[in-house]
């Protein structure tokens, strides 16, 4: 209660939390959009989403440690994860596409365990972070501070989102992805290589996660077994927003970032993570009850 009272007594502090939540929530929305893309096009739930994020963070971290510019780290993470995603589809994921949804969950869950253990063996269990060295900006007589790297990450996220929208709407491959998402069988009849579309889609999702992970490595910390929380965040955002609803994904991601920021301040960082799992349970139960009511109405 003391912390809540402090928020009312010091409005700049509340503004600080809102700004931090929005800047971080944009990255959550980017990761969730990748999951929504795979879910909508391929009809699979990608449980290794968070591991793609962490792996992208490691690639960016080691680029930074080697003295390369941060922009190169983000680019390298996106390219490397695209290649990995494409290879994973060609070797494993193609076997579970158009199968029962539960099979895809098991397959990608196994991939998540494999990737996490591999990163633990390759990089060690210590947490890592890349110091961007960009400093902070101060507002309102130094009462509100904004880490410059968070603004850069927010800008990069916006650029990536704009490029994705343009790609999906204006390019032939983007239109093929949308056609496959609407009706894969009809797309095959019209001559679209749906397996090629699936491979590119899965690679694109991995690239999005890689870029997001590179930004997270500069803002927070990364660890081999830290991917689950990003998978849960992405899944929760997609469930709330709905598949194919980009504005909803953005809004849900920003809202989650703000809620996490306030909960972390009021209750502490340990409850911030617990809140995500509690919200996931509440959302799933709520959606289940709503679907049950709809069935009763139809009956």
C-alpha atoms as a PDB file:
ATOM      1  CA  UNK A   1       0.000   0.000   0.000  1.00  0.00           C
ATOM      2  CA  UNK A   2       2.909   2.331   0.678  1.00  0.00           C
ATOM      3  CA  UNK A   3       4.147   1.908  -2.882  1.00  0.00           C
ATOM      4  CA  UNK A   4       0.670   2.606  -4.285  1.00  0.00           C
ATOM      5  CA  UNK A   5       0.437   5.745  -2.180  1.00  0.00           C
ATOM      6  CA  UNK A   6       3.811   6.823  -3.508  1.00  0.00           C
ATOM      7  CA  UNK A   7       2.476   6.679  -7.045  1.00  0.00           C
ATOM      8  CA  UNK A   8      -0.271   9.163  -6.161  1.00  0.00           C
ATOM      9  CA  UNK A   9       2.125  11.412  -4.276  1.00  0.00           C
ATOM     10  CA  UNK A  10       4.679  11.466  -7.101  1.00  0.00           C
ATOM     11  CA  UNK A  11       2.944  11.560 -10.527  1.00  0.00           C
ATOM     12  CA  UNK A  12       6.297  11.663 -12.412  1.00  0.00           C
ATOM     13  CA  UNK A  13       7.026   8.225 -10.971  1.00  0.00           C
ATOM     14  CA  UNK A  14       3.811   6.857 -12.463  1.00  0.00           C
ATOM     15  CA  UNK A  15       4.736   8.478 -15.787  1.00  0.00           C
ATOM     16  CA  UNK A  16       8.132   6.794 -15.571  1.00  0.00           C
ATOM     17  CA  UNK A  17       6.477   3.402 -15.197  1.00  0.00           C
ATOM     18  CA  UNK A  18       4.106   4.030 -18.104  1.00  0.00           C
ATOM     19  CA  UNK A  19       6.958   5.066 -20.400  1.00  0.00           C
ATOM     20  CA  UNK A  20       9.064   2.046 -19.440  1.00  0.00           C
ATOM     21  CA  UNK A  21       6.068  -0.240 -19.922  1.00  0.00           C
ATOM     22  CA  UNK A  22       5.281   1.116 -23.387  1.00  0.00           C
ATOM     23  CA  UNK A  23       8.888   0.864 -24.569  1.00  0.00           C
ATOM     24  CA  UNK A  24       9.229  -2.720 -23.366  1.00  0.00           C
ATOM     25  CA  UNK A  25       5.700  -3.711 -24.408  1.00  0.00           C
ATOM     26  CA  UNK A  26       6.524  -2.879 -28.026  1.00  0.00           C
ATOM     27  CA  UNK A  27       9.132  -5.652 -28.040  1.00  0.00           C
ATOM     28  CA  UNK A  28       6.614  -8.062 -26.495  1.00  0.00           C
ATOM     29  CA  UNK A  29       4.197  -7.178 -29.299  1.00  0.00           C
ATOM     30  CA  UNK A  30       6.869  -7.869 -31.927  1.00  0.00           C
ATOM     31  CA  UNK A  31       7.542 -11.349 -30.512  1.00  0.00           C
ATOM     32  CA  UNK A  32       3.802 -12.024 -30.301  1.00  0.00           C
ATOM     33  CA  UNK A  33       3.278 -10.977 -33.920  1.00  0.00           C
ATOM     34  CA  UNK A  34       5.766 -13.651 -34.987  1.00  0.00           C
ATOM     35  CA  UNK A  35       3.837 -16.268 -33.015  1.00  0.00           C
ATOM     36  CA  UNK A  36       0.530 -15.046 -34.484  1.00  0.00           C
ATOM     37  CA  UNK A  37       2.018 -15.299 -37.980  1.00  0.00           C
ATOM     38  CA  UNK A  38       3.033 -18.949 -37.516  1.00  0.00           C
ATOM     39  CA  UNK A  39      -0.211 -19.794 -35.734  1.00  0.00           C
ATOM     40  CA  UNK A  40      -2.376 -18.172 -38.392  1.00  0.00           C
ATOM     41  CA  UNK A  41      -0.518 -19.498 -41.455  1.00  0.00           C
ATOM     42  CA  UNK A  42       0.734 -22.903 -40.327  1.00  0.00           C
ATOM     43  CA  UNK A  43      -1.847 -23.664 -37.626  1.00  0.00           C
ATOM     44  CA  UNK A  44       0.830 -24.566 -35.068  1.00  0.00           C
ATOM     45  CA  UNK A  45       1.637 -23.059 -31.662  1.00  0.00           C
ATOM     46  CA  UNK A  46       5.374 -22.426 -31.531  1.00  0.00           C
ATOM     47  CA  UNK A  47       6.458 -23.246 -27.964  1.00  0.00           C
ATOM     48  CA  UNK A  48      10.138 -22.572 -28.770  1.00  0.00           C
ATOM     49  CA  UNK A  49       9.381 -18.902 -29.490  1.00  0.00           C
ATOM     50  CA  UNK A  50      11.220 -17.722 -26.388  1.00  0.00           C
ATOM     51  CA  UNK A  51      14.295 -19.832 -27.165  1.00  0.00           C
ATOM     52  CA  UNK A  52      14.561 -18.089 -30.543  1.00  0.00           C
ATOM     53  CA  UNK A  53      14.517 -14.780 -28.642  1.00  0.00           C
ATOM     54  CA  UNK A  54      17.276 -15.849 -26.248  1.00  0.00           C
ATOM     55  CA  UNK A  55      19.438 -17.244 -29.057  1.00  0.00           C
ATOM     56  CA  UNK A  56      19.121 -13.951 -30.931  1.00  0.00           C
ATOM     57  CA  UNK A  57      20.212 -12.196 -27.758  1.00  0.00           C
ATOM     58  CA  UNK A  58      23.343 -14.353 -27.505  1.00  0.00           C
ATOM     59  CA  UNK A  59      24.296 -13.670 -31.117  1.00  0.00           C
ATOM     60  CA  UNK A  60      23.926  -9.931 -30.515  1.00  0.00           C
ATOM     61  CA  UNK A  61      25.874 -10.160 -27.250  1.00  0.00           C
ATOM     62  CA  UNK A  62      28.866 -11.881 -28.822  1.00  0.00           C
ATOM     63  CA  UNK A  63      28.848  -9.427 -31.738  1.00  0.00           C
ATOM     64  CA  UNK A  64      28.974  -6.620 -29.162  1.00  0.00           C
ATOM     65  CA  UNK A  65      31.727  -8.386 -27.206  1.00  0.00           C
ATOM     66  CA  UNK A  66      33.751  -8.685 -30.422  1.00  0.00           C
ATOM     67  CA  UNK A  67      33.504  -4.920 -30.884  1.00  0.00           C
ATOM     68  CA  UNK A  68      31.013  -4.802 -33.738  1.00  0.00           C
ATOM     69  CA  UNK A  69      28.291  -2.102 -33.892  1.00  0.00           C
ATOM     70  CA  UNK A  70      24.995  -2.876 -32.201  1.00  0.00           C
ATOM     71  CA  UNK A  71      23.119  -2.530 -35.486  1.00  0.00           C
ATOM     72  CA  UNK A  72      25.236  -5.329 -36.921  1.00  0.00           C
ATOM     73  CA  UNK A  73      24.359  -7.508 -33.930  1.00  0.00           C
ATOM     74  CA  UNK A  74      20.629  -7.047 -34.551  1.00  0.00           C
ATOM     75  CA  UNK A  75      21.052  -7.790 -38.266  1.00  0.00           C
ATOM     76  CA  UNK A  76      23.242 -10.831 -37.628  1.00  0.00           C
ATOM     77  CA  UNK A  77      20.745 -12.203 -35.095  1.00  0.00           C
ATOM     78  CA  UNK A  78      17.847 -11.816 -37.544  1.00  0.00           C
ATOM     79  CA  UNK A  79      19.714 -13.462 -40.435  1.00  0.00           C
ATOM     80  CA  UNK A  80      21.096 -16.344 -38.334  1.00  0.00           C
ATOM     81  CA  UNK A  81      17.682 -17.080 -36.809  1.00  0.00           C
ATOM     82  CA  UNK A  82      16.002 -16.978 -40.223  1.00  0.00           C
ATOM     83  CA  UNK A  83      18.407 -19.643 -41.457  1.00  0.00           C
ATOM     84  CA  UNK A  84      17.856 -21.700 -38.293  1.00  0.00           C
ATOM     85  CA  UNK A  85      14.073 -21.400 -38.580  1.00  0.00           C
ATOM     86  CA  UNK A  86      14.151 -22.430 -42.240  1.00  0.00           C
ATOM     87  CA  UNK A  87      16.339 -25.466 -41.442  1.00  0.00           C
ATOM     88  CA  UNK A  88      14.143 -26.482 -38.506  1.00  0.00           C
ATOM     89  CA  UNK A  89      11.092 -26.394 -40.742  1.00  0.00           C
ATOM     90  CA  UNK A  90      12.752 -28.480 -43.458  1.00  0.00           C
ATOM     91  CA  UNK A  91      13.946 -31.096 -40.957  1.00  0.00           C
ATOM     92  CA  UNK A  92      11.274 -31.202 -38.233  1.00  0.00           C
ATOM     93  CA  UNK A  93       8.363 -28.778 -38.423  1.00  0.00           C
ATOM     94  CA  UNK A  94       7.122 -29.890 -41.864  1.00  0.00           C
ATOM     95  CA  UNK A  95       6.221 -33.213 -40.275  1.00  0.00           C
ATOM     96  CA  UNK A  96       3.693 -31.645 -37.892  1.00  0.00           C
ATOM     97  CA  UNK A  97       2.107 -29.009 -40.154  1.00  0.00           C
ATOM     98  CA  UNK A  98      -1.577 -29.788 -40.786  1.00  0.00           C
ATOM     99  CA  UNK A  99      -1.458 -32.382 -38.003  1.00  0.00           C
ATOM    100  CA  UNK A 100      -3.302 -32.197 -34.702  1.00  0.00           C
ATOM    101  CA  UNK A 101      -2.477 -28.990 -32.803  1.00  0.00           C
ATOM    102  CA  UNK A 102      -1.328 -30.974 -29.770  1.00  0.00           C
ATOM    103  CA  UNK A 103       1.351 -32.692 -31.886  1.00  0.00           C
ATOM    104  CA  UNK A 104       2.818 -29.329 -32.884  1.00  0.00           C
ATOM    105  CA  UNK A 105       2.882 -28.275 -29.231  1.00  0.00           C
ATOM    106  CA  UNK A 106       4.813 -31.414 -28.273  1.00  0.00           C
ATOM    107  CA  UNK A 107       7.242 -31.066 -31.192  1.00  0.00           C
ATOM    108  CA  UNK A 108       8.063 -27.405 -30.567  1.00  0.00           C
ATOM    109  CA  UNK A 109       8.231 -28.018 -26.811  1.00  0.00           C
ATOM    110  CA  UNK A 110      10.893 -30.637 -27.499  1.00  0.00           C
ATOM    111  CA  UNK A 111      12.728 -28.116 -29.682  1.00  0.00           C
ATOM    112  CA  UNK A 112      12.548 -25.578 -26.860  1.00  0.00           C
ATOM    113  CA  UNK A 113      14.213 -28.020 -24.452  1.00  0.00           C
ATOM    114  CA  UNK A 114      16.869 -28.905 -27.031  1.00  0.00           C
ATOM    115  CA  UNK A 115      17.679 -25.263 -27.810  1.00  0.00           C
ATOM    116  CA  UNK A 116      17.804 -24.269 -24.125  1.00  0.00           C
ATOM    117  CA  UNK A 117      20.133 -27.138 -23.213  1.00  0.00           C
ATOM    118  CA  UNK A 118      22.317 -26.437 -26.252  1.00  0.00           C
ATOM    119  CA  UNK A 119      22.654 -22.763 -25.293  1.00  0.00           C
ATOM    120  CA  UNK A 120      23.479 -23.763 -21.733  1.00  0.00           C
ATOM    121  CA  UNK A 121      26.274 -26.035 -22.980  1.00  0.00           C
ATOM    122  CA  UNK A 122      27.576 -23.528 -25.524  1.00  0.00           C
ATOM    123  CA  UNK A 123      27.320 -20.254 -23.608  1.00  0.00           C
ATOM    124  CA  UNK A 124      27.157 -21.260 -19.948  1.00  0.00           C
ATOM    125  CA  UNK A 125      24.485 -20.556 -17.361  1.00  0.00           C
ATOM    126  CA  UNK A 126      25.618 -17.033 -16.431  1.00  0.00           C
ATOM    127  CA  UNK A 127      23.333 -14.134 -17.337  1.00  0.00           C
ATOM    128  CA  UNK A 128      24.657 -11.790 -20.023  1.00  0.00           C
ATOM    129  CA  UNK A 129      23.882  -8.251 -21.099  1.00  0.00           C
ATOM    130  CA  UNK A 130      25.323  -5.988 -23.772  1.00  0.00           C
ATOM    131  CA  UNK A 131      25.988  -2.433 -22.617  1.00  0.00           C
ATOM    132  CA  UNK A 132      24.817  -0.160 -25.400  1.00  0.00           C
ATOM    133  CA  UNK A 133      26.564   2.812 -23.796  1.00  0.00           C
ATOM    134  CA  UNK A 134      23.940   5.280 -25.015  1.00  0.00           C
ATOM    135  CA  UNK A 135      23.142   6.765 -21.606  1.00  0.00           C
ATOM    136  CA  UNK A 136      19.824   8.194 -20.415  1.00  0.00           C
ATOM    137  CA  UNK A 137      17.595  11.109 -21.325  1.00  0.00           C
ATOM    138  CA  UNK A 138      16.012  13.125 -18.541  1.00  0.00           C
ATOM    139  CA  UNK A 139      12.654  14.947 -18.534  1.00  0.00           C
ATOM    140  CA  UNK A 140      10.703  17.124 -16.095  1.00  0.00           C
ATOM    141  CA  UNK A 141      13.715  18.478 -14.203  1.00  0.00           C
ATOM    142  CA  UNK A 142      15.388  15.057 -14.124  1.00  0.00           C
ATOM    143  CA  UNK A 143      12.355  13.439 -12.454  1.00  0.00           C
ATOM    144  CA  UNK A 144      11.797  11.066 -15.377  1.00  0.00           C
ATOM    145  CA  UNK A 145      14.648   9.177 -17.030  1.00  0.00           C
ATOM    146  CA  UNK A 146      14.489   7.228 -20.273  1.00  0.00           C
ATOM    147  CA  UNK A 147      17.233   4.836 -21.287  1.00  0.00           C
ATOM    148  CA  UNK A 148      18.286   5.806 -24.807  1.00  0.00           C
ATOM    149  CA  UNK A 149      18.618   2.157 -25.814  1.00  0.00           C
ATOM    150  CA  UNK A 150      14.934   1.632 -24.984  1.00  0.00           C
ATOM    151  CA  UNK A 151      13.980   4.436 -27.344  1.00  0.00           C
ATOM    152  CA  UNK A 152      16.248   2.966 -30.012  1.00  0.00           C
ATOM    153  CA  UNK A 153      14.657  -0.455 -29.462  1.00  0.00           C
ATOM    154  CA  UNK A 154      11.190   1.102 -29.708  1.00  0.00           C
ATOM    155  CA  UNK A 155      12.158   2.768 -32.985  1.00  0.00           C
ATOM    156  CA  UNK A 156      13.630  -0.441 -34.404  1.00  0.00           C
ATOM    157  CA  UNK A 157      10.493  -2.326 -33.390  1.00  0.00           C
ATOM    158  CA  UNK A 158       8.337   0.235 -35.189  1.00  0.00           C
ATOM    159  CA  UNK A 159      10.469  -0.017 -38.337  1.00  0.00           C
ATOM    160  CA  UNK A 160      10.336  -3.810 -38.327  1.00  0.00           C
ATOM    161  CA  UNK A 161       6.551  -3.743 -37.846  1.00  0.00           C
ATOM    162  CA  UNK A 162       6.131  -1.292 -40.741  1.00  0.00           C
ATOM    163  CA  UNK A 163       8.326  -3.430 -43.012  1.00  0.00           C
ATOM    164  CA  UNK A 164       6.318  -6.528 -42.100  1.00  0.00           C
ATOM    165  CA  UNK A 165       3.035  -4.800 -42.917  1.00  0.00           C
ATOM    166  CA  UNK A 166       4.420  -3.611 -46.267  1.00  0.00           C
ATOM    167  CA  UNK A 167       5.814  -7.067 -47.040  1.00  0.00           C
ATOM    168  CA  UNK A 168       2.569  -8.863 -46.234  1.00  0.00           C
ATOM    169  CA  UNK A 169       0.396  -6.462 -48.238  1.00  0.00           C
ATOM    170  CA  UNK A 170       2.541  -5.419 -51.205  1.00  0.00           C
ATOM    171  CA  UNK A 171       4.810  -8.315 -52.179  1.00  0.00           C
ATOM    172  CA  UNK A 172       3.849 -11.472 -54.044  1.00  0.00           C
ATOM    173  CA  UNK A 173       5.347 -13.689 -51.346  1.00  0.00           C
ATOM    174  CA  UNK A 174       3.412 -11.795 -48.704  1.00  0.00           C
ATOM    175  CA  UNK A 175       0.206 -12.266 -50.673  1.00  0.00           C
ATOM    176  CA  UNK A 176       1.027 -15.973 -51.033  1.00  0.00           C
ATOM    177  CA  UNK A 177       1.417 -16.204 -47.255  1.00  0.00           C
ATOM    178  CA  UNK A 178      -1.954 -14.535 -46.734  1.00  0.00           C
ATOM    179  CA  UNK A 179      -3.602 -16.824 -49.315  1.00  0.00           C
ATOM    180  CA  UNK A 180      -2.127 -19.903 -47.654  1.00  0.00           C
ATOM    181  CA  UNK A 181      -3.360 -18.713 -44.278  1.00  0.00           C
ATOM    182  CA  UNK A 182      -6.897 -18.324 -45.623  1.00  0.00           C
ATOM    183  CA  UNK A 183      -7.069 -21.697 -47.402  1.00  0.00           C
ATOM    184  CA  UNK A 184      -3.949 -23.799 -47.914  1.00  0.00           C
ATOM    185  CA  UNK A 185      -5.708 -26.331 -50.155  1.00  0.00           C
ATOM    186  CA  UNK A 186      -7.045 -23.666 -52.490  1.00  0.00           C
ATOM    187  CA  UNK A 187      -3.607 -22.014 -52.547  1.00  0.00           C
ATOM    188  CA  UNK A 188      -2.025 -25.308 -53.681  1.00  0.00           C
ATOM    189  CA  UNK A 189      -4.615 -25.667 -56.423  1.00  0.00           C
ATOM    190  CA  UNK A 190      -3.707 -22.180 -57.662  1.00  0.00           C
ATOM    191  CA  UNK A 191      -0.052 -23.191 -57.914  1.00  0.00           C
ATOM    192  CA  UNK A 192       1.355 -21.783 -54.666  1.00  0.00           C
ATOM    193  CA  UNK A 193       4.151 -23.847 -53.117  1.00  0.00           C
ATOM    194  CA  UNK A 194       2.636 -23.997 -49.653  1.00  0.00           C
ATOM    195  CA  UNK A 195       5.577 -25.852 -48.124  1.00  0.00           C
ATOM    196  CA  UNK A 196       7.891 -23.137 -49.411  1.00  0.00           C
ATOM    197  CA  UNK A 197       5.534 -20.573 -47.882  1.00  0.00           C
ATOM    198  CA  UNK A 198       5.538 -22.455 -44.580  1.00  0.00           C
ATOM    199  CA  UNK A 199       9.336 -22.654 -44.544  1.00  0.00           C
ATOM    200  CA  UNK A 200       9.666 -18.933 -45.211  1.00  0.00           C
ATOM    201  CA  UNK A 201       7.000 -18.094 -42.620  1.00  0.00           C
ATOM    202  CA  UNK A 202       8.709 -20.128 -39.916  1.00  0.00           C
ATOM    203  CA  UNK A 203      12.067 -18.599 -40.828  1.00  0.00           C
ATOM    204  CA  UNK A 204      10.542 -15.111 -40.785  1.00  0.00           C
ATOM    205  CA  UNK A 205       9.111 -15.718 -37.323  1.00  0.00           C
ATOM    206  CA  UNK A 206      12.522 -16.882 -36.089  1.00  0.00           C
ATOM    207  CA  UNK A 207      14.139 -13.776 -37.612  1.00  0.00           C
ATOM    208  CA  UNK A 208      11.632 -11.519 -35.835  1.00  0.00           C
ATOM    209  CA  UNK A 209      12.419 -13.264 -32.555  1.00  0.00           C
ATOM    210  CA  UNK A 210      16.143 -12.966 -33.221  1.00  0.00           C
ATOM    211  CA  UNK A 211      15.905  -9.219 -33.754  1.00  0.00           C
ATOM    212  CA  UNK A 212      13.753  -8.854 -30.634  1.00  0.00           C
ATOM    213  CA  UNK A 213      16.232 -10.934 -28.623  1.00  0.00           C
ATOM    214  CA  UNK A 214      19.105  -8.752 -29.787  1.00  0.00           C
ATOM    215  CA  UNK A 215      17.281  -5.707 -28.443  1.00  0.00           C
ATOM    216  CA  UNK A 216      16.438  -7.476 -25.175  1.00  0.00           C
ATOM    217  CA  UNK A 217      20.108  -8.352 -24.656  1.00  0.00           C
ATOM    218  CA  UNK A 218      20.860  -4.611 -24.633  1.00  0.00           C
ATOM    219  CA  UNK A 219      17.980  -3.680 -22.322  1.00  0.00           C
ATOM    220  CA  UNK A 220      17.723  -6.573 -19.869  1.00  0.00           C
ATOM    221  CA  UNK A 221      19.692  -9.793 -19.393  1.00  0.00           C
ATOM    222  CA  UNK A 222      19.618 -13.112 -21.205  1.00  0.00           C
ATOM    223  CA  UNK A 223      20.129 -16.636 -19.849  1.00  0.00           C
ATOM    224  CA  UNK A 224      19.836 -20.062 -21.521  1.00  0.00           C
ATOM    225  CA  UNK A 225      16.638 -21.047 -19.717  1.00  0.00           C
ATOM    226  CA  UNK A 226      14.980 -17.633 -19.884  1.00  0.00           C
ATOM    227  CA  UNK A 227      12.940 -18.297 -23.014  1.00  0.00           C
ATOM    228  CA  UNK A 228       9.777 -19.676 -21.408  1.00  0.00           C
ATOM    229  CA  UNK A 229       8.629 -16.326 -20.071  1.00  0.00           C
ATOM    230  CA  UNK A 230       8.768 -14.771 -23.564  1.00  0.00           C
ATOM    231  CA  UNK A 231       6.825 -17.697 -25.017  1.00  0.00           C
ATOM    232  CA  UNK A 232       4.125 -17.253 -22.371  1.00  0.00           C
ATOM    233  CA  UNK A 233       3.975 -13.494 -22.979  1.00  0.00           C
ATOM    234  CA  UNK A 234       3.625 -13.977 -26.733  1.00  0.00           C
ATOM    235  CA  UNK A 235       0.978 -16.681 -26.342  1.00  0.00           C
ATOM    236  CA  UNK A 236      -1.029 -14.555 -23.917  1.00  0.00           C
ATOM    237  CA  UNK A 237      -0.918 -11.519 -26.211  1.00  0.00           C
ATOM    238  CA  UNK A 238      -2.068 -13.564 -29.220  1.00  0.00           C
ATOM    239  CA  UNK A 239      -4.907 -15.160 -27.241  1.00  0.00           C
ATOM    240  CA  UNK A 240      -6.110 -11.742 -26.092  1.00  0.00           C
ATOM    241  CA  UNK A 241      -5.701  -9.976 -29.442  1.00  0.00           C
ATOM    242  CA  UNK A 242      -6.663 -12.784 -31.795  1.00  0.00           C
ATOM    243  CA  UNK A 243      -4.815 -14.221 -34.782  1.00  0.00           C
ATOM    244  CA  UNK A 244      -4.359 -11.776 -37.658  1.00  0.00           C
ATOM    245  CA  UNK A 245      -5.228  -8.731 -35.557  1.00  0.00           C
ATOM    246  CA  UNK A 246      -2.026  -6.658 -35.707  1.00  0.00           C
ATOM    247  CA  UNK A 247      -3.500  -3.569 -34.003  1.00  0.00           C
ATOM    248  CA  UNK A 248      -4.818  -5.823 -31.249  1.00  0.00           C
ATOM    249  CA  UNK A 249      -1.404  -7.467 -30.836  1.00  0.00           C
ATOM    250  CA  UNK A 250       0.253  -4.065 -30.524  1.00  0.00           C
ATOM    251  CA  UNK A 251      -2.333  -2.837 -28.007  1.00  0.00           C
ATOM    252  CA  UNK A 252      -2.136  -6.030 -25.934  1.00  0.00           C
ATOM    253  CA  UNK A 253       1.671  -5.953 -25.962  1.00  0.00           C
ATOM    254  CA  UNK A 254       1.815  -2.345 -24.782  1.00  0.00           C
ATOM    255  CA  UNK A 255      -0.808  -3.028 -22.115  1.00  0.00           C
ATOM    256  CA  UNK A 256       1.134  -6.030 -20.826  1.00  0.00           C
ATOM    257  CA  UNK A 257       4.313  -3.971 -20.656  1.00  0.00           C
ATOM    258  CA  UNK A 258       2.589  -1.265 -18.601  1.00  0.00           C
ATOM    259  CA  UNK A 259       0.937  -3.764 -16.248  1.00  0.00           C
ATOM    260  CA  UNK A 260       4.249  -5.564 -15.674  1.00  0.00           C
ATOM    261  CA  UNK A 261       5.987  -2.265 -14.996  1.00  0.00           C
ATOM    262  CA  UNK A 262       3.483  -1.258 -12.307  1.00  0.00           C
ATOM    263  CA  UNK A 263       3.330  -4.704 -10.712  1.00  0.00           C
ATOM    264  CA  UNK A 264       7.109  -4.914 -10.595  1.00  0.00           C
ATOM    265  CA  UNK A 265       7.241  -1.569  -8.803  1.00  0.00           C
ATOM    266  CA  UNK A 266       4.408  -2.226  -6.374  1.00  0.00           C
ATOM    267  CA  UNK A 267       5.015  -5.879  -5.499  1.00  0.00           C
ATOM    268  CA  UNK A 268       8.603  -6.497  -6.582  1.00  0.00           C
ATOM    269  CA  UNK A 269      10.309  -8.201  -9.513  1.00  0.00           C
ATOM    270  CA  UNK A 270       9.582 -11.709  -8.181  1.00  0.00           C
ATOM    271  CA  UNK A 271       5.823 -11.080  -8.415  1.00  0.00           C
ATOM    272  CA  UNK A 272       6.193  -9.524 -11.852  1.00  0.00           C
ATOM    273  CA  UNK A 273       6.988 -12.915 -13.384  1.00  0.00           C
ATOM    274  CA  UNK A 274       4.328 -14.677 -11.303  1.00  0.00           C
ATOM    275  CA  UNK A 275       1.754 -12.169 -12.563  1.00  0.00           C
ATOM    276  CA  UNK A 276       2.298 -13.296 -16.150  1.00  0.00           C
ATOM    277  CA  UNK A 277       1.411 -16.900 -15.349  1.00  0.00           C
ATOM    278  CA  UNK A 278      -1.579 -15.819 -13.236  1.00  0.00           C
ATOM    279  CA  UNK A 279      -2.854 -13.634 -16.095  1.00  0.00           C
ATOM    280  CA  UNK A 280      -2.399 -16.519 -18.535  1.00  0.00           C
ATOM    281  CA  UNK A 281      -4.542 -18.806 -16.375  1.00  0.00           C
ATOM    282  CA  UNK A 282      -7.222 -16.124 -15.947  1.00  0.00           C
ATOM    283  CA  UNK A 283      -7.326 -15.410 -19.681  1.00  0.00           C
ATOM    284  CA  UNK A 284      -7.539 -19.085 -20.633  1.00  0.00           C
ATOM    285  CA  UNK A 285     -10.291 -19.740 -18.098  1.00  0.00           C
ATOM    286  CA  UNK A 286     -12.177 -16.663 -19.297  1.00  0.00           C
ATOM    287  CA  UNK A 287     -11.928 -17.708 -22.948  1.00  0.00           C
ATOM    288  CA  UNK A 288     -13.042 -21.233 -22.052  1.00  0.00           C
ATOM    289  CA  UNK A 289     -16.125 -19.927 -20.233  1.00  0.00           C
ATOM    290  CA  UNK A 290     -16.993 -17.641 -23.132  1.00  0.00           C
ATOM    291  CA  UNK A 291     -16.710 -20.478 -25.646  1.00  0.00           C
ATOM    292  CA  UNK A 292     -18.895 -22.637 -23.407  1.00  0.00           C
ATOM    293  CA  UNK A 293     -21.588 -19.953 -23.347  1.00  0.00           C
ATOM    294  CA  UNK A 294     -21.438 -19.647 -27.135  1.00  0.00           C
ATOM    295  CA  UNK A 295     -21.943 -23.402 -27.505  1.00  0.00           C
ATOM    296  CA  UNK A 296     -24.993 -23.264 -25.248  1.00  0.00           C
ATOM    297  CA  UNK A 297     -26.458 -20.427 -27.324  1.00  0.00           C
ATOM    298  CA  UNK A 298     -25.918 -22.401 -30.549  1.00  0.00           C
ATOM    299  CA  UNK A 299     -27.533 -25.475 -29.018  1.00  0.00           C
END
